[in-house]
């Protein structure tokens, strides 16, 4: 079984930056891709970014393109989300997830999830 644990969330002013980390542990870890999703109060979970584990191919939601960057460390079994120019609408619980499937934008296709980390952006 794979366990994912996020860290790095917090309170930040609009225009600021945060870096989220996700550590994977458990049995041999070799997903097809890792992803970040977020869920704001009263809203459905939405895709933020993903990266294929072997080749590092990235996909971003339009709402974060140019502001967020996903990266990984295969040696450390970790994935990161650098968030710059944060906006109030980025406020949400952010989840790290791993998938063996190729549909890297669909939450339903991800096999493993972390517990989430809160990101709050104030004006």
C-alpha atoms as a PDB file:
ATOM      1  CA  UNK A   1       0.000   0.000   0.000  1.00  0.00           C
ATOM      2  CA  UNK A   2       1.186   3.509  -0.815  1.00  0.00           C
ATOM      3  CA  UNK A   3       0.853   6.356   1.648  1.00  0.00           C
ATOM      4  CA  UNK A   4       1.019  10.011   0.628  1.00  0.00           C
ATOM      5  CA  UNK A   5       1.585  12.870   3.041  1.00  0.00           C
ATOM      6  CA  UNK A   6       1.345  16.545   2.123  1.00  0.00           C
ATOM      7  CA  UNK A   7       2.996  19.429   3.919  1.00  0.00           C
ATOM      8  CA  UNK A   8       3.692  23.098   3.380  1.00  0.00           C
ATOM      9  CA  UNK A   9       0.235  24.606   3.488  1.00  0.00           C
ATOM     10  CA  UNK A  10      -0.581  27.721   5.463  1.00  0.00           C
ATOM     11  CA  UNK A  11      -1.806  31.286   5.402  1.00  0.00           C
ATOM     12  CA  UNK A  12      -0.337  33.677   2.865  1.00  0.00           C
ATOM     13  CA  UNK A  13      -1.230  37.080   1.521  1.00  0.00           C
ATOM     14  CA  UNK A  14      -2.414  37.510  -2.032  1.00  0.00           C
ATOM     15  CA  UNK A  15       0.554  37.780  -4.351  1.00  0.00           C
ATOM     16  CA  UNK A  16       2.665  35.597  -2.105  1.00  0.00           C
ATOM     17  CA  UNK A  17       4.107  32.134  -2.585  1.00  0.00           C
ATOM     18  CA  UNK A  18       3.938  28.708  -0.977  1.00  0.00           C
ATOM     19  CA  UNK A  19       5.607  25.426  -1.760  1.00  0.00           C
ATOM     20  CA  UNK A  20       3.711  22.222  -1.078  1.00  0.00           C
ATOM     21  CA  UNK A  21       5.479  18.919  -0.661  1.00  0.00           C
ATOM     22  CA  UNK A  22       4.180  15.377  -0.886  1.00  0.00           C
ATOM     23  CA  UNK A  23       6.118  12.394   0.390  1.00  0.00           C
ATOM     24  CA  UNK A  24       5.271   8.880  -0.773  1.00  0.00           C
ATOM     25  CA  UNK A  25       5.990   5.816   1.298  1.00  0.00           C
ATOM     26  CA  UNK A  26       5.054   2.164   1.301  1.00  0.00           C
ATOM     27  CA  UNK A  27       5.700  -0.564  -1.182  1.00  0.00           C
ATOM     28  CA  UNK A  28       7.768   0.025  -4.303  1.00  0.00           C
ATOM     29  CA  UNK A  29       6.564   3.325  -5.619  1.00  0.00           C
ATOM     30  CA  UNK A  30       6.265   3.577  -9.392  1.00  0.00           C
ATOM     31  CA  UNK A  31       3.128   5.395 -10.461  1.00  0.00           C
ATOM     32  CA  UNK A  32       2.348   6.539 -13.966  1.00  0.00           C
ATOM     33  CA  UNK A  33       1.819  10.064 -12.701  1.00  0.00           C
ATOM     34  CA  UNK A  34       1.502  12.240  -9.629  1.00  0.00           C
ATOM     35  CA  UNK A  35      -1.022  15.013  -9.337  1.00  0.00           C
ATOM     36  CA  UNK A  36      -2.248  17.872  -7.228  1.00  0.00           C
ATOM     37  CA  UNK A  37      -5.930  18.569  -6.752  1.00  0.00           C
ATOM     38  CA  UNK A  38      -7.748  21.093  -4.601  1.00  0.00           C
ATOM     39  CA  UNK A  39     -11.140  21.455  -3.027  1.00  0.00           C
ATOM     40  CA  UNK A  40     -12.625  24.706  -1.812  1.00  0.00           C
ATOM     41  CA  UNK A  41     -15.582  24.795   0.612  1.00  0.00           C
ATOM     42  CA  UNK A  42     -18.810  23.970  -1.161  1.00  0.00           C
ATOM     43  CA  UNK A  43     -17.052  23.061  -4.398  1.00  0.00           C
ATOM     44  CA  UNK A  44     -16.021  19.835  -6.063  1.00  0.00           C
ATOM     45  CA  UNK A  45     -12.442  18.639  -6.068  1.00  0.00           C
ATOM     46  CA  UNK A  46     -10.642  20.079  -9.077  1.00  0.00           C
ATOM     47  CA  UNK A  47      -7.491  19.249 -10.967  1.00  0.00           C
ATOM     48  CA  UNK A  48      -4.502  21.551 -10.464  1.00  0.00           C
ATOM     49  CA  UNK A  49      -1.437  19.910 -12.017  1.00  0.00           C
ATOM     50  CA  UNK A  50       0.114  16.546 -12.808  1.00  0.00           C
ATOM     51  CA  UNK A  51       3.455  15.135 -13.847  1.00  0.00           C
ATOM     52  CA  UNK A  52       4.329  11.742 -15.253  1.00  0.00           C
ATOM     53  CA  UNK A  53       6.735   9.944 -12.987  1.00  0.00           C
ATOM     54  CA  UNK A  54       9.170   8.609 -15.567  1.00  0.00           C
ATOM     55  CA  UNK A  55       9.352  11.400 -18.141  1.00  0.00           C
ATOM     56  CA  UNK A  56       8.253  14.433 -16.171  1.00  0.00           C
ATOM     57  CA  UNK A  57       5.562  15.485 -18.633  1.00  0.00           C
ATOM     58  CA  UNK A  58       3.412  18.155 -17.014  1.00  0.00           C
ATOM     59  CA  UNK A  59      -0.208  19.245 -17.346  1.00  0.00           C
ATOM     60  CA  UNK A  60      -1.748  22.283 -15.664  1.00  0.00           C
ATOM     61  CA  UNK A  61      -5.213  23.625 -15.129  1.00  0.00           C
ATOM     62  CA  UNK A  62      -5.730  26.871 -17.023  1.00  0.00           C
ATOM     63  CA  UNK A  63      -6.424  28.681 -13.754  1.00  0.00           C
ATOM     64  CA  UNK A  64      -2.896  28.039 -12.451  1.00  0.00           C
ATOM     65  CA  UNK A  65      -0.856  27.952 -15.648  1.00  0.00           C
ATOM     66  CA  UNK A  66       2.089  30.328 -15.414  1.00  0.00           C
ATOM     67  CA  UNK A  67       1.775  30.638 -11.633  1.00  0.00           C
ATOM     68  CA  UNK A  68       2.163  27.086 -10.319  1.00  0.00           C
ATOM     69  CA  UNK A  69       4.934  24.617 -11.054  1.00  0.00           C
ATOM     70  CA  UNK A  70       4.874  20.904 -10.321  1.00  0.00           C
ATOM     71  CA  UNK A  71       8.135  19.028  -9.887  1.00  0.00           C
ATOM     72  CA  UNK A  72       9.344  15.741  -8.506  1.00  0.00           C
ATOM     73  CA  UNK A  73      12.271  13.972  -6.937  1.00  0.00           C
ATOM     74  CA  UNK A  74      12.265  10.347  -7.981  1.00  0.00           C
ATOM     75  CA  UNK A  75      15.145   9.597  -5.633  1.00  0.00           C
ATOM     76  CA  UNK A  76      13.196  10.893  -2.647  1.00  0.00           C
ATOM     77  CA  UNK A  77       9.765   9.741  -3.840  1.00  0.00           C
ATOM     78  CA  UNK A  78       8.475  13.264  -3.498  1.00  0.00           C
ATOM     79  CA  UNK A  79       6.437  15.679  -5.567  1.00  0.00           C
ATOM     80  CA  UNK A  80       6.206  19.424  -5.096  1.00  0.00           C
ATOM     81  CA  UNK A  81       3.916  22.261  -6.050  1.00  0.00           C
ATOM     82  CA  UNK A  82       5.447  25.722  -6.165  1.00  0.00           C
ATOM     83  CA  UNK A  83       2.651  28.271  -6.035  1.00  0.00           C
ATOM     84  CA  UNK A  84       3.439  31.867  -6.927  1.00  0.00           C
ATOM     85  CA  UNK A  85       1.263  34.956  -7.358  1.00  0.00           C
ATOM     86  CA  UNK A  86      -1.370  33.384  -5.167  1.00  0.00           C
ATOM     87  CA  UNK A  87      -4.923  34.658  -5.385  1.00  0.00           C
ATOM     88  CA  UNK A  88      -7.808  34.456  -2.937  1.00  0.00           C
ATOM     89  CA  UNK A  89      -9.507  31.980  -5.254  1.00  0.00           C
ATOM     90  CA  UNK A  90      -6.589  29.590  -4.726  1.00  0.00           C
ATOM     91  CA  UNK A  91      -7.802  29.058  -1.159  1.00  0.00           C
ATOM     92  CA  UNK A  92      -8.590  25.360  -0.750  1.00  0.00           C
ATOM     93  CA  UNK A  93      -7.449  22.082   0.703  1.00  0.00           C
ATOM     94  CA  UNK A  94      -4.746  20.754  -1.589  1.00  0.00           C
ATOM     95  CA  UNK A  95      -4.374  17.021  -2.129  1.00  0.00           C
ATOM     96  CA  UNK A  96      -1.519  15.018  -3.521  1.00  0.00           C
ATOM     97  CA  UNK A  97      -2.456  11.900  -5.482  1.00  0.00           C
ATOM     98  CA  UNK A  98      -0.847   9.086  -7.443  1.00  0.00           C
ATOM     99  CA  UNK A  99      -2.188   7.115 -10.374  1.00  0.00           C
ATOM    100  CA  UNK A 100      -1.303   4.113 -12.497  1.00  0.00           C
ATOM    101  CA  UNK A 101      -3.712   5.346 -15.167  1.00  0.00           C
ATOM    102  CA  UNK A 102      -3.101   7.706 -18.059  1.00  0.00           C
ATOM    103  CA  UNK A 103      -6.053  10.036 -17.443  1.00  0.00           C
ATOM    104  CA  UNK A 104      -3.999  12.482 -15.427  1.00  0.00           C
ATOM    105  CA  UNK A 105      -6.658  15.179 -15.047  1.00  0.00           C
ATOM    106  CA  UNK A 106      -9.406  13.002 -13.585  1.00  0.00           C
ATOM    107  CA  UNK A 107      -9.604  12.613  -9.833  1.00  0.00           C
ATOM    108  CA  UNK A 108     -11.554   9.385 -10.266  1.00  0.00           C
ATOM    109  CA  UNK A 109      -8.543   7.827 -12.011  1.00  0.00           C
ATOM    110  CA  UNK A 110      -6.142   8.415  -9.134  1.00  0.00           C
ATOM    111  CA  UNK A 111      -5.470   5.438  -6.887  1.00  0.00           C
ATOM    112  CA  UNK A 112      -3.854   6.953  -3.816  1.00  0.00           C
ATOM    113  CA  UNK A 113      -4.518  10.184  -1.957  1.00  0.00           C
ATOM    114  CA  UNK A 114      -2.968  12.168   0.843  1.00  0.00           C
ATOM    115  CA  UNK A 115      -4.944  13.681   3.676  1.00  0.00           C
ATOM    116  CA  UNK A 116      -4.714  17.207   2.288  1.00  0.00           C
ATOM    117  CA  UNK A 117      -3.127  20.455   3.420  1.00  0.00           C
ATOM    118  CA  UNK A 118      -4.952  23.759   3.833  1.00  0.00           C
ATOM    119  CA  UNK A 119      -3.887  26.765   1.798  1.00  0.00           C
ATOM    120  CA  UNK A 120      -5.521  30.062   2.711  1.00  0.00           C
ATOM    121  CA  UNK A 121      -4.851  33.220   0.711  1.00  0.00           C
ATOM    122  CA  UNK A 122      -5.868  36.480   2.337  1.00  0.00           C
ATOM    123  CA  UNK A 123      -6.396  39.817   0.636  1.00  0.00           C
END
